[in-house]
C-alpha cells in the first residue's frame, strides 16, 4: 500500500474520532440537561495568578447541591459538588483583564464562601438570580446567607 493511502486512512480515522467525540459531547450535554436546571458555569480552580485558572463548564441544580461538570469531558459525573447549606453568596464583580477572554461573554464573577474557603464562579446575570433564589429556597432552619 502506498504511503499516501496510509496517510489518507489515518486522516480519515482521526476525522471519525473527532466527529465521535463531538457527538458524544452533544449527547452528554443533552443527558445532563434532561431534568432541567442546567446553565453555563465557570469555576476558578486556581487563583494564584490574577485572572487565570478558570475552567469552563456546566452547572446543574440537583436537590440541595450544585453540581459542576467540565464542558469538554465525557464523564457523566460532576467534578465538583457544593451543598446548599455550606455555600453562601458574598458578592459579584465584572471580569477584569484576562478573565474577559477566559470566560463566556456577559458573565459576571460571583464570589461565594464555603467551609473550604473562598470560591469564585462565573455565570450570566440571570443564572446568578437563579443561584440566589436557590440559596434562599433552603428549607427552614438551615444557615445559608445570601
N, C-alpha and C. Protein backbone atom coordinates (compact mmCIF):
# COMPACT_ATOMS: atom_id res chain seq x y z
N UNK A 1 0.85 -1.17 0.00
CA UNK A 1 0.00 0.00 0.00
C UNK A 1 0.90 1.24 0.00
N UNK A 2 0.65 2.18 -0.88
CA UNK A 2 1.47 3.39 -0.94
C UNK A 2 1.30 4.25 0.32
N UNK A 3 2.29 5.07 0.59
CA UNK A 3 2.31 5.92 1.77
C UNK A 3 1.14 6.90 1.79
N UNK A 4 0.78 7.45 0.63
CA UNK A 4 -0.30 8.42 0.60
C UNK A 4 -1.63 7.80 1.01
N UNK A 5 -1.83 6.50 0.71
CA UNK A 5 -3.06 5.83 1.12
C UNK A 5 -3.08 5.61 2.64
N UNK A 6 -1.94 5.28 3.20
CA UNK A 6 -1.85 5.13 4.66
C UNK A 6 -2.15 6.46 5.36
N UNK A 7 -1.59 7.54 4.82
CA UNK A 7 -1.84 8.86 5.40
C UNK A 7 -3.31 9.26 5.26
N UNK A 8 -3.89 8.93 4.14
CA UNK A 8 -5.30 9.24 3.93
C UNK A 8 -6.19 8.42 4.88
N UNK A 9 -5.86 7.16 5.07
CA UNK A 9 -6.60 6.33 6.02
C UNK A 9 -6.46 6.86 7.44
N UNK A 10 -5.25 7.27 7.81
CA UNK A 10 -5.02 7.81 9.15
C UNK A 10 -5.80 9.11 9.34
N UNK A 11 -5.80 9.98 8.33
CA UNK A 11 -6.54 11.24 8.42
C UNK A 11 -8.04 10.96 8.53
N UNK A 12 -8.54 9.98 7.80
CA UNK A 12 -9.95 9.61 7.90
C UNK A 12 -10.30 9.08 9.28
N UNK A 13 -9.42 8.26 9.84
CA UNK A 13 -9.65 7.72 11.18
C UNK A 13 -9.68 8.83 12.22
N UNK A 14 -8.76 9.79 12.11
CA UNK A 14 -8.73 10.93 13.04
C UNK A 14 -10.01 11.75 12.90
N UNK A 15 -10.44 11.97 11.68
CA UNK A 15 -11.67 12.72 11.46
C UNK A 15 -12.88 12.02 12.08
N UNK A 16 -12.96 10.72 11.92
CA UNK A 16 -14.06 9.95 12.51
C UNK A 16 -14.02 10.05 14.03
N UNK A 17 -12.83 9.96 14.63
CA UNK A 17 -12.70 10.07 16.09
C UNK A 17 -13.11 11.45 16.59
N UNK A 18 -12.73 12.50 15.87
CA UNK A 18 -13.11 13.86 16.26
C UNK A 18 -14.62 14.02 16.16
N UNK A 19 -15.23 13.50 15.12
CA UNK A 19 -16.70 13.58 14.99
C UNK A 19 -17.40 12.80 16.09
N UNK A 20 -16.90 11.62 16.42
CA UNK A 20 -17.49 10.83 17.50
C UNK A 20 -17.38 11.55 18.84
N UNK A 21 -16.23 12.19 19.08
CA UNK A 21 -16.04 12.96 20.31
C UNK A 21 -17.04 14.11 20.37
N UNK A 22 -17.19 14.85 19.28
CA UNK A 22 -18.14 15.96 19.23
C UNK A 22 -19.57 15.49 19.45
N UNK A 23 -19.96 14.41 18.81
CA UNK A 23 -21.31 13.87 19.01
C UNK A 23 -21.50 13.39 20.44
N UNK A 24 -20.47 12.82 21.03
CA UNK A 24 -20.54 12.38 22.42
C UNK A 24 -20.74 13.56 23.36
N UNK A 25 -20.05 14.69 23.10
CA UNK A 25 -20.23 15.88 23.92
C UNK A 25 -21.65 16.41 23.84
N UNK A 26 -22.21 16.42 22.63
CA UNK A 26 -23.59 16.89 22.45
C UNK A 26 -24.56 15.97 23.18
N UNK A 27 -24.37 14.66 23.04
CA UNK A 27 -25.26 13.71 23.73
C UNK A 27 -25.14 13.85 25.24
N UNK A 28 -23.92 14.03 25.76
CA UNK A 28 -23.72 14.19 27.20
C UNK A 28 -24.44 15.43 27.71
N UNK A 29 -24.32 16.53 26.96
CA UNK A 29 -24.98 17.76 27.39
C UNK A 29 -26.49 17.59 27.42
N UNK A 30 -27.04 16.88 26.44
CA UNK A 30 -28.48 16.63 26.43
C UNK A 30 -28.90 15.77 27.62
N UNK A 31 -28.09 14.77 27.95
CA UNK A 31 -28.40 13.91 29.10
C UNK A 31 -28.35 14.72 30.39
N UNK A 32 -27.35 15.59 30.53
CA UNK A 32 -27.23 16.41 31.74
C UNK A 32 -28.40 17.38 31.87
N UNK A 33 -28.86 17.91 30.74
CA UNK A 33 -29.93 18.90 30.75
C UNK A 33 -31.32 18.25 30.76
N UNK A 34 -31.37 16.95 30.74
CA UNK A 34 -32.64 16.22 30.65
C UNK A 34 -33.62 16.62 31.74
N UNK A 35 -33.13 16.84 32.96
CA UNK A 35 -34.02 17.18 34.07
C UNK A 35 -34.10 18.68 34.34
N UNK A 36 -33.55 19.48 33.46
CA UNK A 36 -33.60 20.93 33.62
C UNK A 36 -32.62 21.44 34.66
N UNK A 37 -32.59 22.74 34.86
CA UNK A 37 -31.74 23.34 35.87
C UNK A 37 -30.27 23.40 35.50
N UNK A 38 -29.91 23.29 34.21
CA UNK A 38 -28.51 23.39 33.82
C UNK A 38 -28.25 24.77 33.23
N UNK A 39 -27.02 25.24 33.39
CA UNK A 39 -26.62 26.55 32.89
C UNK A 39 -25.10 26.59 32.74
N UNK A 40 -24.63 27.55 31.96
CA UNK A 40 -23.18 27.71 31.77
C UNK A 40 -22.58 28.26 33.05
N UNK A 41 -21.59 27.56 33.58
CA UNK A 41 -20.99 27.92 34.86
C UNK A 41 -19.50 27.64 34.79
N UNK A 42 -18.70 28.68 34.98
CA UNK A 42 -17.25 28.51 35.03
C UNK A 42 -16.80 28.51 36.48
N UNK A 43 -15.74 27.78 36.74
CA UNK A 43 -15.22 27.59 38.09
C UNK A 43 -13.74 27.98 38.09
N UNK A 44 -13.35 28.76 39.07
CA UNK A 44 -11.95 29.16 39.17
C UNK A 44 -11.22 28.16 40.07
N UNK A 45 -10.43 27.30 39.44
CA UNK A 45 -9.74 26.23 40.17
C UNK A 45 -8.46 26.73 40.84
N UNK A 46 -7.78 27.66 40.19
CA UNK A 46 -6.52 28.19 40.74
C UNK A 46 -6.58 29.70 40.75
N UNK A 47 -6.19 30.30 41.86
CA UNK A 47 -6.27 31.76 41.97
C UNK A 47 -4.92 32.39 42.28
N UNK A 48 -3.83 31.65 42.04
CA UNK A 48 -2.50 32.21 42.33
C UNK A 48 -2.19 33.42 41.46
N UNK A 49 -2.55 33.35 40.18
CA UNK A 49 -2.29 34.46 39.25
C UNK A 49 -3.60 35.16 38.93
N UNK A 50 -3.55 36.47 38.97
CA UNK A 50 -4.76 37.27 38.73
C UNK A 50 -5.36 36.96 37.35
N UNK A 51 -6.66 36.68 37.33
CA UNK A 51 -7.36 36.47 36.07
C UNK A 51 -7.17 35.10 35.45
N UNK A 52 -6.41 34.23 36.08
CA UNK A 52 -6.14 32.91 35.49
C UNK A 52 -6.80 31.81 36.31
N UNK A 53 -6.79 30.59 35.77
CA UNK A 53 -7.27 29.43 36.48
C UNK A 53 -8.73 29.09 36.27
N UNK A 54 -9.37 29.68 35.27
CA UNK A 54 -10.80 29.43 35.03
C UNK A 54 -10.99 28.17 34.19
N UNK A 55 -11.99 27.37 34.55
CA UNK A 55 -12.37 26.18 33.81
C UNK A 55 -13.83 26.33 33.38
N UNK A 56 -14.09 26.19 32.08
CA UNK A 56 -15.45 26.31 31.56
C UNK A 56 -16.24 25.05 31.89
N UNK A 57 -17.51 25.24 32.13
CA UNK A 57 -18.31 24.07 32.45
C UNK A 57 -19.80 24.35 32.47
N UNK A 58 -20.51 23.39 32.99
CA UNK A 58 -21.95 23.45 33.13
C UNK A 58 -22.30 23.27 34.60
N UNK A 59 -23.30 24.00 35.04
CA UNK A 59 -23.80 23.82 36.39
C UNK A 59 -25.18 23.18 36.33
N UNK A 60 -25.49 22.43 37.37
CA UNK A 60 -26.81 21.80 37.44
C UNK A 60 -27.24 21.73 38.90
N UNK A 61 -28.47 22.14 39.14
CA UNK A 61 -29.05 22.01 40.47
C UNK A 61 -29.63 20.61 40.61
N UNK A 62 -29.26 19.95 41.67
CA UNK A 62 -29.76 18.61 41.93
C UNK A 62 -30.12 18.53 43.41
N UNK A 63 -31.39 18.79 43.71
CA UNK A 63 -31.82 18.78 45.10
C UNK A 63 -31.14 19.90 45.89
N UNK A 64 -30.41 19.54 46.92
CA UNK A 64 -29.71 20.51 47.77
C UNK A 64 -28.24 20.67 47.39
N UNK A 65 -27.89 20.36 46.15
CA UNK A 65 -26.49 20.54 45.74
C UNK A 65 -26.40 21.18 44.36
N UNK A 66 -25.32 21.91 44.18
CA UNK A 66 -24.98 22.50 42.90
C UNK A 66 -23.83 21.68 42.34
N UNK A 67 -24.05 21.06 41.19
CA UNK A 67 -23.04 20.19 40.58
C UNK A 67 -22.38 20.94 39.42
N UNK A 68 -21.07 20.73 39.28
CA UNK A 68 -20.32 21.37 38.20
C UNK A 68 -19.66 20.30 37.35
N UNK A 69 -19.87 20.40 36.03
CA UNK A 69 -19.33 19.46 35.06
C UNK A 69 -18.39 20.20 34.11
N UNK A 70 -17.24 19.64 33.83
CA UNK A 70 -16.34 20.23 32.83
C UNK A 70 -17.01 20.17 31.47
N UNK A 71 -16.81 21.21 30.66
CA UNK A 71 -17.53 21.30 29.39
C UNK A 71 -17.01 20.30 28.36
N UNK A 72 -15.70 20.00 28.35
CA UNK A 72 -15.14 19.12 27.33
C UNK A 72 -14.84 17.72 27.85
N UNK A 73 -15.44 17.34 28.94
CA UNK A 73 -15.26 16.00 29.49
C UNK A 73 -16.43 15.13 29.07
N UNK A 74 -16.19 13.83 28.95
CA UNK A 74 -17.27 12.90 28.63
C UNK A 74 -17.84 12.23 29.87
N UNK A 75 -17.29 12.54 31.04
CA UNK A 75 -17.73 11.92 32.28
C UNK A 75 -19.16 12.35 32.63
N UNK A 76 -20.01 11.39 33.00
CA UNK A 76 -21.37 11.75 33.40
C UNK A 76 -21.44 12.22 34.85
N UNK A 77 -20.35 12.15 35.57
CA UNK A 77 -20.32 12.54 36.99
C UNK A 77 -19.78 13.97 37.13
N UNK A 78 -20.30 14.72 38.09
CA UNK A 78 -19.79 16.09 38.30
C UNK A 78 -18.37 16.05 38.86
N UNK A 79 -17.58 17.06 38.49
CA UNK A 79 -16.22 17.18 39.02
C UNK A 79 -16.21 17.86 40.38
N UNK A 80 -17.19 18.73 40.63
CA UNK A 80 -17.32 19.43 41.91
C UNK A 80 -18.78 19.43 42.31
N UNK A 81 -19.01 19.38 43.61
CA UNK A 81 -20.37 19.46 44.17
C UNK A 81 -20.32 20.37 45.38
N UNK A 82 -21.23 21.35 45.41
CA UNK A 82 -21.34 22.25 46.56
C UNK A 82 -22.73 22.09 47.14
N UNK A 83 -22.81 21.88 48.43
CA UNK A 83 -24.09 21.72 49.13
C UNK A 83 -24.68 23.09 49.45
N UNK A 84 -25.98 23.21 49.34
CA UNK A 84 -26.65 24.48 49.59
C UNK A 84 -26.40 24.99 51.00
N UNK A 85 -26.38 24.11 51.98
CA UNK A 85 -26.20 24.51 53.37
C UNK A 85 -24.80 25.03 53.69
N UNK A 86 -23.83 24.74 52.83
CA UNK A 86 -22.45 25.18 53.10
C UNK A 86 -21.99 26.27 52.16
N UNK A 87 -22.84 26.70 51.24
CA UNK A 87 -22.47 27.70 50.23
C UNK A 87 -23.18 29.00 50.55
N UNK A 88 -22.43 30.09 50.59
CA UNK A 88 -23.07 31.39 50.81
C UNK A 88 -22.53 32.40 49.80
N UNK A 89 -23.42 33.22 49.30
CA UNK A 89 -23.10 34.26 48.33
C UNK A 89 -22.53 35.46 49.07
N UNK A 90 -21.37 35.96 48.60
CA UNK A 90 -20.76 37.12 49.27
C UNK A 90 -20.66 38.34 48.37
N UNK A 91 -20.77 38.18 47.05
CA UNK A 91 -20.70 39.35 46.18
C UNK A 91 -20.48 38.97 44.74
N UNK A 92 -20.43 40.01 43.91
CA UNK A 92 -20.20 39.81 42.48
C UNK A 92 -19.33 40.93 41.96
N UNK A 93 -18.69 40.68 40.83
CA UNK A 93 -17.87 41.70 40.18
C UNK A 93 -17.81 41.39 38.69
N UNK A 94 -17.41 42.38 37.94
CA UNK A 94 -17.23 42.19 36.50
C UNK A 94 -15.87 41.53 36.25
N UNK A 95 -15.75 40.70 35.22
CA UNK A 95 -14.44 40.11 34.89
C UNK A 95 -13.44 41.21 34.54
N UNK A 96 -12.20 41.02 34.98
CA UNK A 96 -11.16 42.03 34.74
C UNK A 96 -9.98 41.40 34.01
N UNK A 97 -9.35 42.20 33.16
CA UNK A 97 -8.14 41.77 32.48
C UNK A 97 -8.33 40.51 31.65
N UNK A 98 -7.44 39.53 31.86
CA UNK A 98 -7.52 38.31 31.04
C UNK A 98 -8.78 37.47 31.28
N UNK A 99 -9.49 37.74 32.36
CA UNK A 99 -10.73 37.00 32.63
C UNK A 99 -11.76 37.22 31.53
N UNK A 100 -11.76 38.41 30.96
CA UNK A 100 -12.74 38.71 29.91
C UNK A 100 -12.58 37.79 28.70
N UNK A 101 -11.35 37.35 28.46
CA UNK A 101 -11.10 36.44 27.34
C UNK A 101 -11.31 34.98 27.74
N UNK A 102 -11.21 34.67 29.02
CA UNK A 102 -11.30 33.29 29.50
C UNK A 102 -12.73 32.83 29.73
N UNK A 103 -13.63 33.76 29.97
CA UNK A 103 -14.99 33.42 30.36
C UNK A 103 -15.96 33.63 29.20
N UNK A 104 -17.15 33.08 29.37
CA UNK A 104 -18.21 33.31 28.39
C UNK A 104 -18.53 34.80 28.35
N UNK A 105 -19.00 35.30 27.21
CA UNK A 105 -19.38 36.72 27.14
C UNK A 105 -20.55 37.02 28.09
N UNK A 106 -20.57 38.21 28.64
CA UNK A 106 -21.65 38.69 29.51
C UNK A 106 -21.78 37.93 30.83
N UNK A 107 -20.74 37.23 31.23
CA UNK A 107 -20.77 36.57 32.53
C UNK A 107 -20.19 37.47 33.60
N UNK A 108 -20.69 37.31 34.81
CA UNK A 108 -20.16 38.04 35.96
C UNK A 108 -19.47 37.04 36.88
N UNK A 109 -18.50 37.53 37.63
CA UNK A 109 -17.78 36.68 38.58
C UNK A 109 -18.52 36.76 39.91
N UNK A 110 -18.87 35.62 40.44
CA UNK A 110 -19.63 35.51 41.68
C UNK A 110 -18.70 34.99 42.77
N UNK A 111 -18.67 35.71 43.87
CA UNK A 111 -17.82 35.31 44.99
C UNK A 111 -18.69 34.63 46.04
N UNK A 112 -18.26 33.45 46.45
CA UNK A 112 -19.00 32.67 47.44
C UNK A 112 -18.05 32.22 48.54
N UNK A 113 -18.63 31.79 49.63
CA UNK A 113 -17.85 31.26 50.75
C UNK A 113 -18.32 29.84 51.03
N UNK A 114 -17.37 28.96 51.25
CA UNK A 114 -17.64 27.57 51.62
C UNK A 114 -16.78 27.25 52.84
N UNK A 115 -17.02 26.13 53.48
CA UNK A 115 -16.15 25.75 54.61
C UNK A 115 -14.69 25.55 54.18
N UNK A 116 -14.47 25.28 52.90
CA UNK A 116 -13.10 25.10 52.39
C UNK A 116 -12.43 26.42 52.04
N UNK A 117 -13.15 27.54 52.10
CA UNK A 117 -12.59 28.84 51.79
C UNK A 117 -13.40 29.57 50.73
N UNK A 118 -12.77 30.59 50.16
CA UNK A 118 -13.43 31.40 49.14
C UNK A 118 -13.54 30.62 47.83
N UNK A 119 -14.61 30.91 47.10
CA UNK A 119 -14.90 30.23 45.84
C UNK A 119 -15.34 31.28 44.84
N UNK A 120 -14.82 31.19 43.61
CA UNK A 120 -15.25 32.10 42.55
C UNK A 120 -15.87 31.29 41.43
N UNK A 121 -17.06 31.71 41.03
CA UNK A 121 -17.79 31.12 39.92
C UNK A 121 -18.10 32.23 38.94
N UNK A 122 -18.32 31.88 37.69
CA UNK A 122 -18.73 32.88 36.69
C UNK A 122 -19.97 32.36 35.99
N UNK A 123 -20.96 33.23 35.87
CA UNK A 123 -22.23 32.85 35.25
C UNK A 123 -22.91 34.10 34.72
N UNK A 124 -23.97 33.91 33.97
CA UNK A 124 -24.73 35.04 33.45
C UNK A 124 -25.51 35.69 34.60
N UNK A 125 -25.96 36.91 34.38
CA UNK A 125 -26.72 37.62 35.41
C UNK A 125 -28.02 36.89 35.74
N UNK A 126 -28.67 36.31 34.74
CA UNK A 126 -29.91 35.58 35.02
C UNK A 126 -29.62 34.30 35.80
N UNK A 127 -28.49 33.65 35.52
CA UNK A 127 -28.13 32.46 36.29
C UNK A 127 -27.78 32.83 37.73
N UNK A 128 -27.21 34.02 37.92
CA UNK A 128 -26.92 34.49 39.27
C UNK A 128 -28.22 34.68 40.06
N UNK A 129 -29.23 35.23 39.40
CA UNK A 129 -30.53 35.38 40.07
C UNK A 129 -31.08 34.01 40.46
N UNK A 130 -30.90 33.02 39.58
CA UNK A 130 -31.33 31.67 39.89
C UNK A 130 -30.56 31.08 41.06
N UNK A 131 -29.24 31.34 41.12
CA UNK A 131 -28.43 30.86 42.24
C UNK A 131 -28.89 31.48 43.54
N UNK A 132 -29.14 32.79 43.52
CA UNK A 132 -29.59 33.46 44.74
C UNK A 132 -30.95 32.92 45.18
N UNK A 133 -31.85 32.69 44.24
CA UNK A 133 -33.17 32.14 44.58
C UNK A 133 -33.02 30.73 45.14
N UNK A 134 -32.13 29.93 44.55
CA UNK A 134 -31.91 28.56 45.02
C UNK A 134 -31.35 28.58 46.45
N UNK A 135 -30.42 29.50 46.72
CA UNK A 135 -29.86 29.59 48.07
C UNK A 135 -30.91 30.03 49.07
N UNK A 136 -31.78 30.98 48.68
CA UNK A 136 -32.83 31.46 49.58
C UNK A 136 -33.91 30.42 49.80
N UNK A 137 -34.06 29.49 48.87
CA UNK A 137 -35.12 28.49 48.97
C UNK A 137 -34.74 27.32 49.87
N UNK A 138 -33.70 27.47 50.64
CA UNK A 138 -33.28 26.39 51.54
C UNK A 138 -34.38 26.11 52.54
N UNK A 139 -34.50 24.86 52.98
CA UNK A 139 -35.52 24.53 53.97
C UNK A 139 -35.34 25.34 55.26
N UNK A 140 -36.41 25.58 55.98
CA UNK A 140 -36.30 26.34 57.24
C UNK A 140 -35.32 25.68 58.21
N UNK A 141 -34.59 26.51 58.92
CA UNK A 141 -33.65 26.01 59.91
C UNK A 141 -32.25 25.81 59.41
N UNK A 142 -32.02 25.98 58.09
CA UNK A 142 -30.66 25.85 57.58
C UNK A 142 -30.01 27.22 57.61
N UNK A 143 -28.71 27.24 57.73
CA UNK A 143 -27.99 28.50 57.91
C UNK A 143 -27.29 28.91 56.63
N UNK A 144 -28.02 29.33 55.62
CA UNK A 144 -27.41 29.86 54.41
C UNK A 144 -27.54 31.37 54.43
N UNK A 145 -26.56 32.04 53.87
CA UNK A 145 -26.55 33.50 53.83
C UNK A 145 -26.51 33.97 52.40
N UNK A 146 -27.44 34.82 52.02
CA UNK A 146 -27.46 35.36 50.66
C UNK A 146 -27.20 36.84 50.71
